[in-house]
């Protein structure tokens, strides 16, 4: 597949992950989940990200289920962010409910995780593919939260006024 026909261009590794979702009959859900987690949040990148994530506190009253693994939850959040799908369409293959994924996204946003990760992309060297991927994820997260893309210049995102069709004037 050439670069121009990939849905996200150079957005490694999302395009391969989506193709794997389409062939669930060939693999077990667990294998697909582990593969997607590794593609969306590579271990090398996870080592940079994990210290930035806040700790989950255990409920005093007990009960409930064990909190989901942060890396798996992050992979589910990354999938929603880079694919642009609504939270309600998060595939069950991640093993994380859409409510859990959204709850983690909201908590991480409130804790300033996306900004901290954006700072990592600016300060680290020698991780070209991983940092480019992390930068795309951070930009998608900031757009999803409505805070826009950090920085300026030609890459700045502009929200389109949806009150009238594009190309029309008043």
N, C-alpha and C. Protein backbone atom coordinates (compact mmCIF):
# COMPACT_ATOMS: atom_id res chain seq x y z
N UNK A 1 0.85 -1.17 0.00
CA UNK A 1 0.00 0.00 0.00
C UNK A 1 0.90 1.23 0.00
N UNK A 2 0.70 2.13 -0.96
CA UNK A 2 1.54 3.31 -1.01
C UNK A 2 1.10 4.34 0.03
N UNK A 3 1.98 5.27 0.34
CA UNK A 3 1.75 6.25 1.40
C UNK A 3 0.51 7.09 1.14
N UNK A 4 0.25 7.47 -0.12
CA UNK A 4 -0.85 8.37 -0.41
C UNK A 4 -2.21 7.73 -0.21
N UNK A 5 -2.30 6.40 -0.28
CA UNK A 5 -3.60 5.75 -0.13
C UNK A 5 -3.90 5.36 1.30
N UNK A 6 -2.94 5.55 2.21
CA UNK A 6 -3.19 5.24 3.62
C UNK A 6 -4.12 6.29 4.21
N UNK A 7 -5.09 5.88 5.03
CA UNK A 7 -6.08 6.82 5.53
C UNK A 7 -5.50 7.97 6.34
N UNK A 8 -4.41 7.77 7.02
CA UNK A 8 -3.82 8.83 7.83
C UNK A 8 -2.45 9.23 7.34
N UNK A 9 -2.14 8.93 6.07
CA UNK A 9 -0.85 9.30 5.52
C UNK A 9 0.28 8.63 6.28
N UNK A 10 1.14 9.42 6.87
CA UNK A 10 2.28 8.89 7.61
C UNK A 10 1.95 8.57 9.05
N UNK A 11 0.70 8.56 9.41
CA UNK A 11 0.31 8.36 10.81
C UNK A 11 0.54 6.91 11.22
N UNK A 12 1.77 6.55 11.38
CA UNK A 12 2.15 5.22 11.82
C UNK A 12 1.59 5.02 13.19
N UNK A 13 1.11 3.94 13.59
CA UNK A 13 0.86 2.67 12.95
C UNK A 13 -0.63 2.42 12.78
N UNK A 14 -1.43 3.46 12.77
CA UNK A 14 -2.87 3.32 12.81
C UNK A 14 -3.43 2.50 11.65
N UNK A 15 -2.96 2.71 10.44
CA UNK A 15 -3.58 2.05 9.30
C UNK A 15 -3.48 0.53 9.41
N UNK A 16 -2.38 0.01 9.93
CA UNK A 16 -2.26 -1.44 10.10
C UNK A 16 -3.21 -1.92 11.18
N UNK A 17 -3.40 -1.14 12.22
CA UNK A 17 -4.28 -1.53 13.32
C UNK A 17 -5.72 -1.66 12.86
N UNK A 18 -6.17 -0.76 12.01
CA UNK A 18 -7.54 -0.81 11.52
C UNK A 18 -7.74 -2.05 10.67
N UNK A 19 -6.78 -2.38 9.82
CA UNK A 19 -6.92 -3.58 8.99
C UNK A 19 -7.07 -4.82 9.87
N UNK A 20 -6.33 -4.88 10.98
CA UNK A 20 -6.44 -6.03 11.87
C UNK A 20 -7.82 -6.12 12.51
N UNK A 21 -8.45 -4.99 12.76
CA UNK A 21 -9.79 -5.01 13.34
C UNK A 21 -10.79 -5.66 12.40
N UNK A 22 -10.57 -5.51 11.11
CA UNK A 22 -11.51 -6.02 10.13
C UNK A 22 -11.44 -7.54 9.97
N UNK A 23 -10.40 -8.17 10.46
CA UNK A 23 -10.25 -9.62 10.27
C UNK A 23 -10.29 -10.36 11.60
N UNK A 24 -11.26 -10.05 12.41
CA UNK A 24 -11.34 -10.68 13.73
C UNK A 24 -11.57 -12.17 13.67
N UNK A 25 -12.15 -12.67 12.60
CA UNK A 25 -12.40 -14.11 12.51
C UNK A 25 -11.11 -14.91 12.45
N UNK A 26 -10.02 -14.29 12.04
CA UNK A 26 -8.74 -14.99 11.91
C UNK A 26 -7.96 -15.07 13.22
N UNK A 27 -8.27 -14.24 14.16
CA UNK A 27 -7.47 -14.16 15.39
C UNK A 27 -8.39 -14.15 16.60
N UNK A 28 -7.82 -14.45 17.73
CA UNK A 28 -8.61 -14.33 18.94
C UNK A 28 -8.66 -12.87 19.35
N UNK A 29 -9.67 -12.52 20.12
CA UNK A 29 -9.81 -11.15 20.59
C UNK A 29 -8.58 -10.74 21.40
N UNK A 30 -8.08 -11.63 22.23
CA UNK A 30 -6.92 -11.30 23.06
C UNK A 30 -5.70 -10.97 22.21
N UNK A 31 -5.45 -11.76 21.19
CA UNK A 31 -4.29 -11.52 20.33
C UNK A 31 -4.44 -10.20 19.59
N UNK A 32 -5.64 -9.90 19.13
CA UNK A 32 -5.88 -8.65 18.42
C UNK A 32 -5.67 -7.48 19.38
N UNK A 33 -6.20 -7.63 20.59
CA UNK A 33 -6.07 -6.57 21.58
C UNK A 33 -4.60 -6.28 21.88
N UNK A 34 -3.82 -7.32 22.13
CA UNK A 34 -2.40 -7.14 22.42
C UNK A 34 -1.66 -6.53 21.24
N UNK A 35 -2.01 -6.95 20.03
CA UNK A 35 -1.39 -6.41 18.83
C UNK A 35 -1.71 -4.92 18.67
N UNK A 36 -2.98 -4.57 18.86
CA UNK A 36 -3.38 -3.17 18.73
C UNK A 36 -2.73 -2.30 19.79
N UNK A 37 -2.67 -2.80 21.01
CA UNK A 37 -2.04 -2.02 22.08
C UNK A 37 -0.58 -1.75 21.71
N UNK A 38 0.11 -2.76 21.22
CA UNK A 38 1.52 -2.57 20.85
C UNK A 38 1.67 -1.61 19.67
N UNK A 39 0.74 -1.64 18.73
CA UNK A 39 0.82 -0.75 17.57
C UNK A 39 0.45 0.69 17.94
N UNK A 40 -0.55 0.85 18.79
CA UNK A 40 -1.01 2.19 19.14
C UNK A 40 -0.16 2.85 20.22
N UNK A 41 0.34 2.04 21.15
CA UNK A 41 1.18 2.55 22.24
C UNK A 41 2.40 1.63 22.34
N UNK A 42 3.38 1.79 21.44
CA UNK A 42 4.56 0.93 21.48
C UNK A 42 5.25 1.00 22.85
N UNK A 43 5.86 -0.10 23.24
CA UNK A 43 6.46 -0.19 24.57
C UNK A 43 7.49 0.91 24.81
N UNK A 44 8.27 1.19 23.82
CA UNK A 44 9.30 2.22 23.94
C UNK A 44 8.67 3.59 24.25
N UNK A 45 7.55 3.87 23.59
CA UNK A 45 6.83 5.11 23.83
C UNK A 45 6.12 5.07 25.18
N UNK A 46 5.60 3.91 25.55
CA UNK A 46 4.92 3.73 26.83
C UNK A 46 5.85 4.09 27.99
N UNK A 47 7.13 3.80 27.84
CA UNK A 47 8.10 4.14 28.89
C UNK A 47 8.18 5.65 29.11
N UNK A 48 7.95 6.44 28.07
CA UNK A 48 7.93 7.90 28.22
C UNK A 48 6.60 8.40 28.77
N UNK A 49 5.52 7.75 28.35
CA UNK A 49 4.17 8.22 28.69
C UNK A 49 3.77 7.85 30.12
N UNK A 50 4.07 6.63 30.55
CA UNK A 50 3.54 6.13 31.82
C UNK A 50 3.84 7.01 33.03
N UNK A 51 5.01 7.64 33.15
CA UNK A 51 5.22 8.50 34.32
C UNK A 51 4.31 9.73 34.36
N UNK A 52 3.76 10.11 33.21
CA UNK A 52 2.90 11.30 33.13
C UNK A 52 1.46 11.02 33.54
N UNK A 53 1.06 9.76 33.58
CA UNK A 53 -0.33 9.42 33.89
C UNK A 53 -0.55 9.41 35.40
N UNK A 54 -1.68 9.99 35.85
CA UNK A 54 -1.96 10.00 37.29
C UNK A 54 -2.32 8.61 37.79
N UNK A 55 -2.07 8.38 39.07
CA UNK A 55 -2.42 7.10 39.72
C UNK A 55 -3.93 7.03 39.90
N UNK A 56 -4.47 5.82 39.77
CA UNK A 56 -5.89 5.61 40.06
C UNK A 56 -6.03 5.21 41.51
N UNK A 57 -6.93 5.87 42.22
CA UNK A 57 -7.13 5.57 43.64
C UNK A 57 -8.15 4.45 43.79
N UNK A 58 -7.88 3.58 44.73
CA UNK A 58 -8.80 2.48 45.03
C UNK A 58 -10.01 3.05 45.77
N UNK A 59 -11.19 2.58 45.43
CA UNK A 59 -12.40 3.02 46.11
C UNK A 59 -12.42 2.52 47.54
N UNK A 60 -12.80 3.40 48.45
CA UNK A 60 -12.83 3.02 49.86
C UNK A 60 -13.85 1.93 50.14
N UNK A 61 -14.99 2.01 49.49
CA UNK A 61 -16.05 1.06 49.80
C UNK A 61 -15.80 -0.31 49.19
N UNK A 62 -14.78 -0.42 48.35
CA UNK A 62 -14.49 -1.71 47.72
C UNK A 62 -15.50 -2.01 46.62
N UNK A 63 -15.55 -3.24 46.22
CA UNK A 63 -16.48 -3.63 45.17
C UNK A 63 -16.02 -3.16 43.80
N UNK A 64 -16.86 -3.38 42.83
CA UNK A 64 -16.52 -2.99 41.48
C UNK A 64 -15.48 -3.93 40.88
N UNK A 65 -15.04 -3.59 39.71
CA UNK A 65 -14.03 -4.40 39.04
C UNK A 65 -12.66 -3.74 39.21
N UNK A 66 -11.64 -4.52 38.98
CA UNK A 66 -10.28 -3.99 39.03
C UNK A 66 -10.13 -2.93 37.94
N UNK A 67 -9.41 -1.86 38.23
CA UNK A 67 -9.19 -0.86 37.18
C UNK A 67 -8.46 -1.49 35.99
N UNK A 68 -8.81 -1.05 34.81
CA UNK A 68 -8.16 -1.55 33.61
C UNK A 68 -6.72 -1.04 33.55
N UNK A 69 -5.91 -1.80 32.89
CA UNK A 69 -4.51 -1.45 32.68
C UNK A 69 -4.43 -0.10 31.97
N UNK A 70 -3.55 0.79 32.44
CA UNK A 70 -3.41 2.12 31.84
C UNK A 70 -2.99 2.06 30.38
N UNK A 71 -2.11 1.16 30.04
CA UNK A 71 -1.64 1.09 28.65
C UNK A 71 -2.77 0.67 27.72
N UNK A 72 -3.57 -0.30 28.14
CA UNK A 72 -4.71 -0.74 27.33
C UNK A 72 -5.73 0.38 27.21
N UNK A 73 -5.99 1.07 28.32
CA UNK A 73 -6.94 2.19 28.29
C UNK A 73 -6.43 3.29 27.38
N UNK A 74 -5.13 3.57 27.45
CA UNK A 74 -4.55 4.60 26.59
C UNK A 74 -4.66 4.20 25.12
N UNK A 75 -4.45 2.94 24.82
CA UNK A 75 -4.58 2.48 23.43
C UNK A 75 -6.01 2.69 22.93
N UNK A 76 -7.00 2.42 23.78
CA UNK A 76 -8.40 2.64 23.40
C UNK A 76 -8.65 4.13 23.16
N UNK A 77 -8.13 4.97 24.03
CA UNK A 77 -8.29 6.42 23.87
C UNK A 77 -7.59 6.89 22.60
N UNK A 78 -6.39 6.40 22.36
CA UNK A 78 -5.64 6.77 21.15
C UNK A 78 -6.43 6.36 19.90
N UNK A 79 -7.03 5.17 19.93
CA UNK A 79 -7.82 4.72 18.78
C UNK A 79 -8.94 5.71 18.48
N UNK A 80 -9.67 6.12 19.51
CA UNK A 80 -10.77 7.07 19.31
C UNK A 80 -10.23 8.40 18.80
N UNK A 81 -9.14 8.86 19.37
CA UNK A 81 -8.59 10.15 18.98
C UNK A 81 -8.13 10.18 17.53
N UNK A 82 -7.36 9.19 17.12
CA UNK A 82 -6.79 9.25 15.77
C UNK A 82 -7.74 8.76 14.69
N UNK A 83 -8.71 7.92 15.06
CA UNK A 83 -9.67 7.46 14.06
C UNK A 83 -10.80 8.45 13.87
N UNK A 84 -11.05 9.27 14.90
CA UNK A 84 -12.14 10.23 14.82
C UNK A 84 -13.50 9.63 15.10
N UNK A 85 -13.55 8.37 15.50
CA UNK A 85 -14.84 7.75 15.76
C UNK A 85 -15.41 8.28 17.07
N UNK A 86 -16.73 8.25 17.22
CA UNK A 86 -17.32 8.64 18.50
C UNK A 86 -16.97 7.61 19.58
N UNK A 87 -17.02 8.03 20.83
CA UNK A 87 -16.71 7.12 21.94
C UNK A 87 -17.61 5.90 21.90
N UNK A 88 -18.86 6.08 21.50
CA UNK A 88 -19.81 4.96 21.50
C UNK A 88 -19.45 3.88 20.48
N UNK A 89 -18.56 4.19 19.54
CA UNK A 89 -18.17 3.22 18.52
C UNK A 89 -16.80 2.59 18.80
N UNK A 90 -16.31 2.73 20.02
CA UNK A 90 -15.05 2.09 20.38
C UNK A 90 -15.22 0.58 20.27
N UNK A 91 -14.39 -0.09 19.48
CA UNK A 91 -14.53 -1.54 19.32
C UNK A 91 -14.29 -2.27 20.64
N UNK A 92 -15.04 -3.32 20.90
CA UNK A 92 -14.88 -4.07 22.15
C UNK A 92 -13.56 -4.84 22.22
N UNK A 93 -12.82 -4.90 21.14
CA UNK A 93 -11.58 -5.67 21.08
C UNK A 93 -10.55 -5.16 22.09
N UNK A 94 -10.65 -3.93 22.53
CA UNK A 94 -9.70 -3.39 23.49
C UNK A 94 -9.92 -3.93 24.89
N UNK A 95 -11.11 -4.42 25.17
CA UNK A 95 -11.39 -4.90 26.52
C UNK A 95 -11.63 -3.77 27.50
N UNK A 96 -11.84 -2.58 26.99
CA UNK A 96 -12.11 -1.39 27.80
C UNK A 96 -13.44 -0.84 27.34
N UNK A 97 -14.35 -0.59 28.27
CA UNK A 97 -15.65 -0.05 27.87
C UNK A 97 -15.49 1.38 27.37
N UNK A 98 -16.46 1.81 26.59
CA UNK A 98 -16.39 3.19 26.08
C UNK A 98 -16.47 4.19 27.23
N UNK A 99 -17.23 3.84 28.29
CA UNK A 99 -17.32 4.74 29.45
C UNK A 99 -15.97 4.85 30.15
N UNK A 100 -15.28 3.72 30.31
CA UNK A 100 -13.96 3.74 30.94
C UNK A 100 -12.97 4.54 30.11
N UNK A 101 -12.97 4.32 28.80
CA UNK A 101 -12.05 5.05 27.92
C UNK A 101 -12.32 6.55 28.01
N UNK A 102 -13.58 6.93 27.97
CA UNK A 102 -13.91 8.36 28.05
C UNK A 102 -13.57 8.92 29.42
N UNK A 103 -13.82 8.16 30.47
CA UNK A 103 -13.50 8.61 31.83
C UNK A 103 -11.99 8.85 31.97
N UNK A 104 -11.20 7.92 31.45
CA UNK A 104 -9.74 8.09 31.51
C UNK A 104 -9.31 9.31 30.69
N UNK A 105 -9.88 9.46 29.50
CA UNK A 105 -9.55 10.61 28.66
C UNK A 105 -9.85 11.91 29.41
N UNK A 106 -11.02 11.99 30.03
CA UNK A 106 -11.40 13.20 30.77
C UNK A 106 -10.47 13.45 31.95
N UNK A 107 -10.13 12.39 32.68
CA UNK A 107 -9.24 12.53 33.84
C UNK A 107 -7.84 12.95 33.39
N UNK A 108 -7.35 12.34 32.32
CA UNK A 108 -6.02 12.69 31.82
C UNK A 108 -6.00 14.11 31.27
N UNK A 109 -7.10 14.53 30.66
CA UNK A 109 -7.18 15.89 30.16
C UNK A 109 -7.15 16.88 31.32
N UNK A 110 -7.94 16.60 32.36
CA UNK A 110 -7.98 17.48 33.54
C UNK A 110 -6.62 17.54 34.24
N UNK A 111 -5.87 16.44 34.18
CA UNK A 111 -4.55 16.39 34.82
C UNK A 111 -3.45 17.01 33.96
N UNK A 112 -3.79 17.45 32.75
CA UNK A 112 -2.80 18.08 31.87
C UNK A 112 -1.85 17.11 31.20
N UNK A 113 -2.29 15.87 31.05
CA UNK A 113 -1.42 14.84 30.46
C UNK A 113 -1.06 15.17 29.02
N UNK A 114 -2.01 15.64 28.23
CA UNK A 114 -1.74 15.88 26.80
C UNK A 114 -0.72 16.99 26.62
N UNK A 115 -0.80 18.02 27.45
CA UNK A 115 0.18 19.10 27.38
C UNK A 115 1.57 18.59 27.79
N UNK A 116 1.61 17.77 28.84
CA UNK A 116 2.89 17.21 29.30
C UNK A 116 3.51 16.32 28.23
N UNK A 117 2.67 15.52 27.57
CA UNK A 117 3.18 14.66 26.50
C UNK A 117 3.64 15.50 25.31
N UNK A 118 2.94 16.60 25.05
CA UNK A 118 3.37 17.50 23.99
C UNK A 118 4.74 18.08 24.27
N UNK A 119 5.01 18.37 25.53
CA UNK A 119 6.33 18.88 25.92
C UNK A 119 7.40 17.81 25.71
N UNK A 120 7.04 16.55 25.92
CA UNK A 120 7.99 15.45 25.69
C UNK A 120 8.38 15.39 24.22
N UNK A 121 7.40 15.57 23.33
CA UNK A 121 7.71 15.50 21.90
C UNK A 121 8.68 16.60 21.49
N UNK A 122 8.63 17.72 22.19
CA UNK A 122 9.53 18.83 21.86
C UNK A 122 10.92 18.64 22.45
N UNK A 123 11.04 17.84 23.52
CA UNK A 123 12.32 17.76 24.22
C UNK A 123 13.15 16.52 23.90
N UNK A 124 12.54 15.47 23.40
CA UNK A 124 13.26 14.22 23.14
C UNK A 124 13.82 14.19 21.72
N UNK A 125 14.94 13.52 21.55
CA UNK A 125 15.55 13.35 20.24
C UNK A 125 15.76 11.86 19.96
N UNK A 126 15.86 11.50 18.70
CA UNK A 126 16.21 10.14 18.32
C UNK A 126 15.05 9.16 18.29
N UNK A 127 13.85 9.63 18.41
CA UNK A 127 12.68 8.75 18.41
C UNK A 127 11.73 9.21 17.31
N UNK A 128 12.19 9.46 16.15
CA UNK A 128 11.42 10.13 15.11
C UNK A 128 10.02 9.57 14.92
N UNK A 129 9.90 8.28 14.65
CA UNK A 129 8.57 7.70 14.38
C UNK A 129 7.67 7.76 15.60
N UNK A 130 8.21 7.36 16.75
CA UNK A 130 7.40 7.33 17.96
C UNK A 130 6.96 8.73 18.38
N UNK A 131 7.88 9.68 18.30
CA UNK A 131 7.53 11.04 18.72
C UNK A 131 6.58 11.71 17.73
N UNK A 132 6.72 11.40 16.45
CA UNK A 132 5.77 11.93 15.47
C UNK A 132 4.38 11.37 15.75
N UNK A 133 4.32 10.09 16.11
CA UNK A 133 3.05 9.46 16.45
C UNK A 133 2.46 10.10 17.71
N UNK A 134 3.28 10.28 18.73
CA UNK A 134 2.82 10.89 19.98
C UNK A 134 2.34 12.32 19.73
N UNK A 135 3.03 13.05 18.87
CA UNK A 135 2.61 14.41 18.55
C UNK A 135 1.24 14.41 17.89
N UNK A 136 0.99 13.46 16.98
CA UNK A 136 -0.32 13.37 16.33
C UNK A 136 -1.40 13.06 17.36
N UNK A 137 -1.10 12.17 18.30
CA UNK A 137 -2.07 11.82 19.34
C UNK A 137 -2.37 13.03 20.22
N UNK A 138 -1.33 13.75 20.62
CA UNK A 138 -1.52 14.94 21.47
C UNK A 138 -2.35 15.99 20.75
N UNK A 139 -2.07 16.20 19.49
CA UNK A 139 -2.84 17.17 18.71
C UNK A 139 -4.30 16.74 18.60
N UNK A 140 -4.54 15.46 18.36
CA UNK A 140 -5.91 14.96 18.29
C UNK A 140 -6.62 15.12 19.62
N UNK A 141 -5.92 14.87 20.72
CA UNK A 141 -6.52 15.02 22.05
C UNK A 141 -6.88 16.48 22.32
N UNK A 142 -5.97 17.38 21.97
CA UNK A 142 -6.25 18.80 22.21
C UNK A 142 -7.40 19.29 21.34
N UNK A 143 -7.51 18.77 20.13
CA UNK A 143 -8.65 19.13 19.28
C UNK A 143 -9.94 18.58 19.86
N UNK A 144 -9.89 17.35 20.36
CA UNK A 144 -11.09 16.71 20.92
C UNK A 144 -11.57 17.46 22.17
N UNK A 145 -10.64 18.02 22.94
CA UNK A 145 -11.01 18.75 24.15
C UNK A 145 -11.46 20.17 23.85
N UNK A 146 -11.24 20.62 22.62
CA UNK A 146 -11.65 21.96 22.25
C UNK A 146 -10.63 23.03 22.58
N UNK A 147 -9.45 22.63 23.03
CA UNK A 147 -8.43 23.61 23.37
C UNK A 147 -7.55 23.94 22.18
N UNK A 148 -7.72 23.24 21.08
CA UNK A 148 -6.93 23.52 19.89
C UNK A 148 -5.57 22.88 19.95
N UNK A 149 -4.80 23.15 18.94
CA UNK A 149 -3.46 22.58 18.83
C UNK A 149 -2.48 23.57 19.41
N UNK A 150 -1.57 23.06 20.24
CA UNK A 150 -0.58 23.96 20.82
C UNK A 150 0.37 24.44 19.74
N UNK A 151 0.98 25.54 19.99
CA UNK A 151 1.92 26.09 19.01
C UNK A 151 1.19 26.91 17.96
N UNK A 152 1.89 27.33 16.98
CA UNK A 152 1.28 28.15 15.95
C UNK A 152 1.81 27.77 14.59
N UNK A 153 1.69 28.69 13.66
CA UNK A 153 2.23 28.45 12.34
C UNK A 153 1.26 27.73 11.44
N UNK A 154 1.79 27.11 10.41
CA UNK A 154 0.97 26.49 9.39
C UNK A 154 0.18 25.28 9.85
N UNK A 155 0.58 24.65 10.91
CA UNK A 155 -0.11 23.46 11.38
C UNK A 155 -1.29 23.75 12.29
N UNK A 156 -1.51 25.00 12.63
CA UNK A 156 -2.58 25.33 13.58
C UNK A 156 -3.93 24.92 13.00
N UNK A 157 -4.73 24.30 13.83
CA UNK A 157 -6.05 23.84 13.40
C UNK A 157 -7.03 25.01 13.44
N UNK A 158 -7.90 25.05 12.45
CA UNK A 158 -8.91 26.09 12.41
C UNK A 158 -10.26 25.38 12.41
N UNK A 159 -11.09 25.76 13.35
CA UNK A 159 -12.42 25.16 13.42
C UNK A 159 -13.30 25.84 12.38
N UNK A 160 -13.98 25.05 11.60
CA UNK A 160 -14.82 25.58 10.54
C UNK A 160 -16.18 25.95 11.11
N UNK A 161 -16.71 27.08 10.68
CA UNK A 161 -18.05 27.48 11.07
C UNK A 161 -19.03 26.60 10.30
N UNK A 162 -19.80 25.80 11.01
CA UNK A 162 -20.71 24.86 10.37
C UNK A 162 -22.12 25.42 10.20
N UNK A 163 -22.28 26.72 10.39
CA UNK A 163 -23.61 27.29 10.28
C UNK A 163 -24.09 27.40 8.84
N UNK A 164 -23.17 27.40 7.89
CA UNK A 164 -23.57 27.42 6.48
C UNK A 164 -22.58 26.58 5.68
N UNK A 165 -23.00 26.06 4.54
CA UNK A 165 -22.11 25.22 3.74
C UNK A 165 -20.85 25.97 3.33
N UNK A 166 -19.76 25.23 3.19
CA UNK A 166 -18.51 25.88 2.79
C UNK A 166 -18.64 26.40 1.37
N UNK A 167 -17.96 27.49 1.12
CA UNK A 167 -17.98 28.07 -0.21
C UNK A 167 -19.09 29.08 -0.42
N UNK A 168 -20.03 29.18 0.53
CA UNK A 168 -21.09 30.16 0.38
C UNK A 168 -20.74 31.39 1.17
N UNK A 169 -21.21 32.51 0.72
CA UNK A 169 -20.97 33.77 1.42
C UNK A 169 -22.29 34.45 1.69
N UNK A 170 -22.26 35.35 2.62
CA UNK A 170 -23.48 36.11 2.92
C UNK A 170 -23.27 37.56 2.68
